[in-house]
Amino acid sequence: MAIKYKRSILPWLKENGYNTTRLRREKLFGEATIQAFRMGKPIAFSGLDKLCSMLNCKVEDIIEYVPDEEDK
């Protein structure tokens, strides 16, 4: 996968007052998205949009393109 998170998302959210209990209780993200954050897997653009809003950042602060060996 060539798109990667620049930081671990769940600790970053927690630094900003969003623990997993709050994410679930307020229905900010579903369980599948929370699991994707844990595993470093991609999420939908709508999720990235919400993440940018919650963290007050840009998409490029969250993800980056890193070519796979086979892409080089």
PDB file of N, CA and C in Angstrom:
ATOM      1  N   MET A   1       0.848  -1.169   0.000  1.00  0.00           N
ATOM      2  CA  MET A   1       0.000   0.000   0.000  1.00  0.00           C
ATOM      3  C   MET A   1       0.897   1.235   0.000  1.00  0.00           C
ATOM      4  N   ALA A   2       0.640   2.168  -0.872  1.00  0.00           N
ATOM      5  CA  ALA A   2       1.504   3.327  -1.020  1.00  0.00           C
ATOM      6  C   ALA A   2       1.036   4.538  -0.211  1.00  0.00           C
ATOM      7  N   ILE A   3      -0.212   4.564   0.220  1.00  0.00           N
ATOM      8  CA  ILE A   3      -0.710   5.654   1.056  1.00  0.00           C
ATOM      9  C   ILE A   3      -0.587   5.217   2.518  1.00  0.00           C
ATOM     10  N   LYS A   4       0.104   6.030   3.313  1.00  0.00           N
ATOM     11  CA  LYS A   4       0.345   5.670   4.713  1.00  0.00           C
ATOM     12  C   LYS A   4       0.017   6.856   5.621  1.00  0.00           C
ATOM     13  N   TYR A   5      -0.358   6.533   6.858  1.00  0.00           N
ATOM     14  CA  TYR A   5      -0.575   7.574   7.847  1.00  0.00           C
ATOM     15  C   TYR A   5       0.770   8.107   8.315  1.00  0.00           C
ATOM     16  N   LYS A   6       0.864   9.408   8.491  1.00  0.00           N
ATOM     17  CA  LYS A   6       2.099  10.010   8.988  1.00  0.00           C
ATOM     18  C   LYS A   6       2.268   9.796  10.491  1.00  0.00           C
ATOM     19  N   ARG A   7       1.153   9.675  11.200  1.00  0.00           N
ATOM     20  CA  ARG A   7       1.153   9.464  12.649  1.00  0.00           C
ATOM     21  C   ARG A   7       0.141   8.395  12.985  1.00  0.00           C
ATOM     22  N   SER A   8       0.247   7.840  14.178  1.00  0.00           N
ATOM     23  CA  SER A   8      -0.778   6.925  14.674  1.00  0.00           C
ATOM     24  C   SER A   8      -2.010   7.764  14.994  1.00  0.00           C
ATOM     25  N   ILE A   9      -3.131   7.395  14.402  1.00  0.00           N
ATOM     26  CA  ILE A   9      -4.334   8.222  14.483  1.00  0.00           C
ATOM     27  C   ILE A   9      -4.976   8.211  15.875  1.00  0.00           C
ATOM     28  N   LEU A  10      -5.152   7.057  16.476  1.00  0.00           N
ATOM     29  CA  LEU A  10      -5.846   7.007  17.762  1.00  0.00           C
ATOM     30  C   LEU A  10      -5.124   7.790  18.866  1.00  0.00           C
ATOM     31  N   PRO A  11      -3.805   7.681  19.014  1.00  0.00           N
ATOM     32  CA  PRO A  11      -3.136   8.523  20.026  1.00  0.00           C
ATOM     33  C   PRO A  11      -3.272  10.020  19.707  1.00  0.00           C
ATOM     34  N   TRP A  12      -3.236  10.358  18.435  1.00  0.00           N
ATOM     35  CA  TRP A  12      -3.378  11.751  18.016  1.00  0.00           C
ATOM     36  C   TRP A  12      -4.776  12.271  18.383  1.00  0.00           C
ATOM     37  N   LEU A  13      -5.786  11.445  18.116  1.00  0.00           N
ATOM     38  CA  LEU A  13      -7.148  11.822  18.507  1.00  0.00           C
ATOM     39  C   LEU A  13      -7.252  11.986  20.027  1.00  0.00           C
ATOM     40  N   LYS A  14      -6.638  11.058  20.753  1.00  0.00           N
ATOM     41  CA  LYS A  14      -6.690  11.113  22.214  1.00  0.00           C
ATOM     42  C   LYS A  14      -6.044  12.394  22.739  1.00  0.00           C
ATOM     43  N   GLU A  15      -4.936  12.825  22.123  1.00  0.00           N
ATOM     44  CA  GLU A  15      -4.283  14.084  22.496  1.00  0.00           C
ATOM     45  C   GLU A  15      -5.240  15.270  22.338  1.00  0.00           C
ATOM     46  N   ASN A  16      -6.215  15.111  21.434  1.00  0.00           N
ATOM     47  CA  ASN A  16      -7.171  16.172  21.150  1.00  0.00           C
ATOM     48  C   ASN A  16      -8.527  15.934  21.820  1.00  0.00           C
ATOM     49  N   GLY A  17      -8.563  15.028  22.797  1.00  0.00           N
ATOM     50  CA  GLY A  17      -9.757  14.826  23.597  1.00  0.00           C
ATOM     51  C   GLY A  17     -10.756  13.807  23.070  1.00  0.00           C
ATOM     52  N   TYR A  18     -10.338  12.996  22.110  1.00  0.00           N
ATOM     53  CA  TYR A  18     -11.239  12.005  21.519  1.00  0.00           C
ATOM     54  C   TYR A  18     -10.725  10.594  21.790  1.00  0.00           C
ATOM     55  N   ASN A  19     -11.122   9.992  22.901  1.00  0.00           N
ATOM     56  CA  ASN A  19     -10.745   8.603  23.136  1.00  0.00           C
ATOM     57  C   ASN A  19     -11.738   7.688  22.393  1.00  0.00           C
ATOM     58  N   THR A  20     -11.461   6.406  22.354  1.00  0.00           N
ATOM     59  CA  THR A  20     -12.311   5.501  21.580  1.00  0.00           C
ATOM     60  C   THR A  20     -13.725   5.414  22.138  1.00  0.00           C
ATOM     61  N   THR A  21     -13.872   5.550  23.439  1.00  0.00           N
ATOM     62  CA  THR A  21     -15.210   5.547  24.033  1.00  0.00           C
ATOM     63  C   THR A  21     -16.017   6.723  23.504  1.00  0.00           C
ATOM     64  N   ARG A  22     -15.409   7.879  23.471  1.00  0.00           N
ATOM     65  CA  ARG A  22     -16.103   9.064  22.963  1.00  0.00           C
ATOM     66  C   ARG A  22     -16.423   8.918  21.472  1.00  0.00           C
ATOM     67  N   LEU A  23     -15.476   8.384  20.705  1.00  0.00           N
ATOM     68  CA  LEU A  23     -15.712   8.189  19.272  1.00  0.00           C
ATOM     69  C   LEU A  23     -16.938   7.320  19.031  1.00  0.00           C
ATOM     70  N   ARG A  24     -17.072   6.262  19.826  1.00  0.00           N
ATOM     71  CA  ARG A  24     -18.226   5.360  19.689  1.00  0.00           C
ATOM     72  C   ARG A  24     -19.501   6.001  20.222  1.00  0.00           C
ATOM     73  N   ARG A  25     -19.441   6.534  21.429  1.00  0.00           N
ATOM     74  CA  ARG A  25     -20.626   7.081  22.095  1.00  0.00           C
ATOM     75  C   ARG A  25     -21.254   8.213  21.282  1.00  0.00           C
ATOM     76  N   GLU A  26     -20.413   9.105  20.742  1.00  0.00           N
ATOM     77  CA  GLU A  26     -20.918  10.238  19.963  1.00  0.00           C
ATOM     78  C   GLU A  26     -21.088   9.899  18.481  1.00  0.00           C
ATOM     79  N   LYS A  27     -20.839   8.634  18.150  1.00  0.00           N
ATOM     80  CA  LYS A  27     -20.971   8.148  16.772  1.00  0.00           C
ATOM     81  C   LYS A  27     -20.153   8.986  15.777  1.00  0.00           C
ATOM     82  N   LEU A  28     -18.937   9.324  16.209  1.00  0.00           N
ATOM     83  CA  LEU A  28     -18.042  10.081  15.352  1.00  0.00           C
ATOM     84  C   LEU A  28     -17.414   9.178  14.293  1.00  0.00           C
ATOM     85  N   PHE A  29     -17.046   7.959  14.715  1.00  0.00           N
ATOM     86  CA  PHE A  29     -16.540   6.934  13.805  1.00  0.00           C
ATOM     87  C   PHE A  29     -17.101   5.597  14.244  1.00  0.00           C
ATOM     88  N   GLY A  30     -17.367   4.729  13.274  1.00  0.00           N
ATOM     89  CA  GLY A  30     -17.840   3.390  13.570  1.00  0.00           C
ATOM     90  C   GLY A  30     -16.696   2.478  13.968  1.00  0.00           C
ATOM     91  N   GLU A  31     -17.051   1.296  14.434  1.00  0.00           N
ATOM     92  CA  GLU A  31     -16.047   0.325  14.882  1.00  0.00           C
ATOM     93  C   GLU A  31     -15.086  -0.062  13.763  1.00  0.00           C
ATOM     94  N   ALA A  32     -15.584  -0.202  12.545  1.00  0.00           N
ATOM     95  CA  ALA A  32     -14.718  -0.585  11.416  1.00  0.00           C
ATOM     96  C   ALA A  32     -13.653   0.480  11.159  1.00  0.00           C
ATOM     97  N   THR A  33     -14.015   1.736  11.255  1.00  0.00           N
ATOM     98  CA  THR A  33     -13.053   2.824  11.043  1.00  0.00           C
ATOM     99  C   THR A  33     -12.049   2.873  12.182  1.00  0.00           C
ATOM    100  N   ILE A  34     -12.509   2.688  13.399  1.00  0.00           N
ATOM    101  CA  ILE A  34     -11.599   2.670  14.544  1.00  0.00           C
ATOM    102  C   ILE A  34     -10.595   1.522  14.394  1.00  0.00           C
ATOM    103  N   GLN A  35     -11.064   0.374  13.948  1.00  0.00           N
ATOM    104  CA  GLN A  35     -10.163  -0.763  13.703  1.00  0.00           C
ATOM    105  C   GLN A  35      -9.177  -0.438  12.583  1.00  0.00           C
ATOM    106  N   ALA A  36      -9.643   0.243  11.547  1.00  0.00           N
ATOM    107  CA  ALA A  36      -8.749   0.640  10.450  1.00  0.00           C
ATOM    108  C   ALA A  36      -7.643   1.556  10.981  1.00  0.00           C
ATOM    109  N   PHE A  37      -7.989   2.484  11.879  1.00  0.00           N
ATOM    110  CA  PHE A  37      -6.976   3.339  12.495  1.00  0.00           C
ATOM    111  C   PHE A  37      -5.954   2.501  13.251  1.00  0.00           C
ATOM    112  N   ARG A  38      -6.429   1.532  14.018  1.00  0.00           N
ATOM    113  CA  ARG A  38      -5.531   0.670  14.806  1.00  0.00           C
ATOM    114  C   ARG A  38      -4.548  -0.086  13.915  1.00  0.00           C
ATOM    115  N   MET A  39      -5.044  -0.532  12.775  1.00  0.00           N
ATOM    116  CA  MET A  39      -4.241  -1.375  11.892  1.00  0.00           C
ATOM    117  C   MET A  39      -3.508  -0.586  10.808  1.00  0.00           C
ATOM    118  N   GLY A  40      -3.691   0.727  10.785  1.00  0.00           N
ATOM    119  CA  GLY A  40      -3.020   1.553   9.782  1.00  0.00           C
ATOM    120  C   GLY A  40      -3.586   1.375   8.387  1.00  0.00           C
ATOM    121  N   LYS A  41      -4.836   0.954   8.306  1.00  0.00           N
ATOM    122  CA  LYS A  41      -5.473   0.724   7.005  1.00  0.00           C
ATOM    123  C   LYS A  41      -6.198   1.984   6.544  1.00  0.00           C
ATOM    124  N   PRO A  42      -6.418   2.091   5.235  1.00  0.00           N
ATOM    125  CA  PRO A  42      -7.070   3.295   4.700  1.00  0.00           C
ATOM    126  C   PRO A  42      -8.539   3.397   5.110  1.00  0.00           C
ATOM    127  N   ILE A  43      -9.022   4.637   5.121  1.00  0.00           N
ATOM    128  CA  ILE A  43     -10.428   4.903   5.403  1.00  0.00           C
ATOM    129  C   ILE A  43     -10.999   5.711   4.240  1.00  0.00           C
ATOM    130  N   ALA A  44     -12.304   5.884   4.227  1.00  0.00           N
ATOM    131  CA  ALA A  44     -12.980   6.630   3.162  1.00  0.00           C
ATOM    132  C   ALA A  44     -12.625   8.117   3.239  1.00  0.00           C
ATOM    133  N   PHE A  45     -12.781   8.801   2.118  1.00  0.00           N
ATOM    134  CA  PHE A  45     -12.521  10.240   2.081  1.00  0.00           C
ATOM    135  C   PHE A  45     -13.410  11.000   3.059  1.00  0.00           C
ATOM    136  N   SER A  46     -14.623  10.547   3.240  1.00  0.00           N
ATOM    137  CA  SER A  46     -15.512  11.214   4.198  1.00  0.00           C
ATOM    138  C   SER A  46     -14.934  11.119   5.609  1.00  0.00           C
ATOM    139  N   GLY A  47     -14.288  10.011   5.922  1.00  0.00           N
ATOM    140  CA  GLY A  47     -13.624   9.857   7.216  1.00  0.00           C
ATOM    141  C   GLY A  47     -12.421  10.778   7.349  1.00  0.00           C
ATOM    142  N   LEU A  48     -11.661  10.922   6.253  1.00  0.00           N
ATOM    143  CA  LEU A  48     -10.523  11.843   6.269  1.00  0.00           C
ATOM    144  C   LEU A  48     -11.003  13.272   6.471  1.00  0.00           C
ATOM    145  N   ASP A  49     -12.116  13.611   5.835  1.00  0.00           N
ATOM    146  CA  ASP A  49     -12.704  14.939   5.990  1.00  0.00           C
ATOM    147  C   ASP A  49     -13.051  15.192   7.454  1.00  0.00           C
ATOM    148  N   LYS A  50     -13.699  14.235   8.092  1.00  0.00           N
ATOM    149  CA  LYS A  50     -14.092  14.365   9.496  1.00  0.00           C
ATOM    150  C   LYS A  50     -12.849  14.446  10.379  1.00  0.00           C
ATOM    151  N   LEU A  51     -11.848  13.626  10.071  1.00  0.00           N
ATOM    152  CA  LEU A  51     -10.606  13.622  10.848  1.00  0.00           C
ATOM    153  C   LEU A  51      -9.916  14.990  10.770  1.00  0.00           C
ATOM    154  N   CYS A  52      -9.858  15.558   9.579  1.00  0.00           N
ATOM    155  CA  CYS A  52      -9.248  16.885   9.410  1.00  0.00           C
ATOM    156  C   CYS A  52      -9.982  17.923  10.250  1.00  0.00           C
ATOM    157  N   SER A  53     -11.289  17.841  10.258  1.00  0.00           N
ATOM    158  CA  SER A  53     -12.086  18.777  11.041  1.00  0.00           C
ATOM    159  C   SER A  53     -11.826  18.591  12.544  1.00  0.00           C
ATOM    160  N   MET A  54     -11.809  17.367  13.002  1.00  0.00           N
ATOM    161  CA  MET A  54     -11.609  17.085  14.425  1.00  0.00           C
ATOM    162  C   MET A  54     -10.212  17.476  14.899  1.00  0.00           C
ATOM    163  N   LEU A  55      -9.206  17.269  14.043  1.00  0.00           N
ATOM    164  CA  LEU A  55      -7.822  17.538  14.417  1.00  0.00           C
ATOM    165  C   LEU A  55      -7.348  18.918  13.968  1.00  0.00           C
ATOM    166  N   ASN A  56      -8.234  19.639  13.264  1.00  0.00           N
ATOM    167  CA  ASN A  56      -7.911  20.971  12.747  1.00  0.00           C
ATOM    168  C   ASN A  56      -6.604  20.941  11.949  1.00  0.00           C
ATOM    169  N   CYS A  57      -6.585  20.084  10.934  1.00  0.00           N
ATOM    170  CA  CYS A  57      -5.391  19.925  10.124  1.00  0.00           C
ATOM    171  C   CYS A  57      -5.784  19.700   8.663  1.00  0.00           C
ATOM    172  N   LYS A  58      -4.784  19.532   7.819  1.00  0.00           N
ATOM    173  CA  LYS A  58      -4.988  19.261   6.398  1.00  0.00           C
ATOM    174  C   LYS A  58      -4.766  17.771   6.141  1.00  0.00           C
ATOM    175  N   VAL A  59      -5.284  17.303   5.023  1.00  0.00           N
ATOM    176  CA  VAL A  59      -5.123  15.888   4.657  1.00  0.00           C
ATOM    177  C   VAL A  59      -3.643  15.513   4.616  1.00  0.00           C
ATOM    178  N   GLU A  60      -2.821  16.407   4.081  1.00  0.00           N
ATOM    179  CA  GLU A  60      -1.391  16.091   3.969  1.00  0.00           C
ATOM    180  C   GLU A  60      -0.698  16.013   5.327  1.00  0.00           C
ATOM    181  N   ASP A  61      -1.339  16.473   6.393  1.00  0.00           N
ATOM    182  CA  ASP A  61      -0.809  16.290   7.742  1.00  0.00           C
ATOM    183  C   ASP A  61      -1.083  14.873   8.254  1.00  0.00           C
ATOM    184  N   ILE A  62      -2.048  14.188   7.633  1.00  0.00           N
ATOM    185  CA  ILE A  62      -2.494  12.874   8.089  1.00  0.00           C
ATOM    186  C   ILE A  62      -1.892  11.740   7.273  1.00  0.00           C
ATOM    187  N   ILE A  63      -1.910  11.880   5.949  1.00  0.00           N
ATOM    188  CA  ILE A  63      -1.433  10.797   5.080  1.00  0.00           C
ATOM    189  C   ILE A  63      -0.334  11.282   4.150  1.00  0.00           C
ATOM    190  N   GLU A  64       0.421  10.310   3.637  1.00  0.00           N
ATOM    191  CA  GLU A  64       1.457  10.606   2.659  1.00  0.00           C
ATOM    192  C   GLU A  64       1.559   9.457   1.671  1.00  0.00           C
ATOM    193  N   TYR A  65       2.110   9.752   0.514  1.00  0.00           N
ATOM    194  CA  TYR A  65       2.334   8.737  -0.509  1.00  0.00           C
ATOM    195  C   TYR A  65       3.774   8.254  -0.374  1.00  0.00           C
ATOM    196  N   VAL A  66       3.931   6.958  -0.183  1.00  0.00           N
ATOM    197  CA  VAL A  66       5.250   6.325  -0.105  1.00  0.00           C
ATOM    198  C   VAL A  66       5.223   5.188  -1.117  1.00  0.00           C
ATOM    199  N   PRO A  67       5.984   5.315  -2.215  1.00  0.00           N
ATOM    200  CA  PRO A  67       5.940   4.274  -3.239  1.00  0.00           C
ATOM    201  C   PRO A  67       6.379   2.912  -2.719  1.00  0.00           C
ATOM    202  N   ASP A  68       5.671   1.875  -3.146  1.00  0.00           N
ATOM    203  CA  ASP A  68       6.085   0.503  -2.841  1.00  0.00           C
ATOM    204  C   ASP A  68       7.342   0.198  -3.637  1.00  0.00           C
ATOM    205  N   GLU A  69       8.076  -0.808  -3.223  1.00  0.00           N
ATOM    206  CA  GLU A  69       9.283  -1.205  -3.937  1.00  0.00           C
ATOM    207  C   GLU A  69       8.987  -1.503  -5.408  1.00  0.00           C
ATOM    208  N   GLU A  70       7.849  -2.138  -5.654  1.00  0.00           N
ATOM    209  CA  GLU A  70       7.506  -2.496  -7.030  1.00  0.00           C
ATOM    210  C   GLU A  70       7.134  -1.284  -7.875  1.00  0.00           C
ATOM    211  N   ASP A  71       6.792  -0.156  -7.232  1.00  0.00           N
ATOM    212  CA  ASP A  71       6.458   1.072  -7.951  1.00  0.00           C
ATOM    213  C   ASP A  71       7.674   1.869  -8.339  1.00  0.00           C
ATOM    214  N   LYS A  72       8.815   1.567  -7.713  1.00  0.00           N
ATOM    215  CA  LYS A  72      10.038   2.348  -7.969  1.00  0.00           C
ATOM    216  C   LYS A  72      10.704   1.928  -9.261  1.00  0.00           C
TER     217      LYS A  72
END
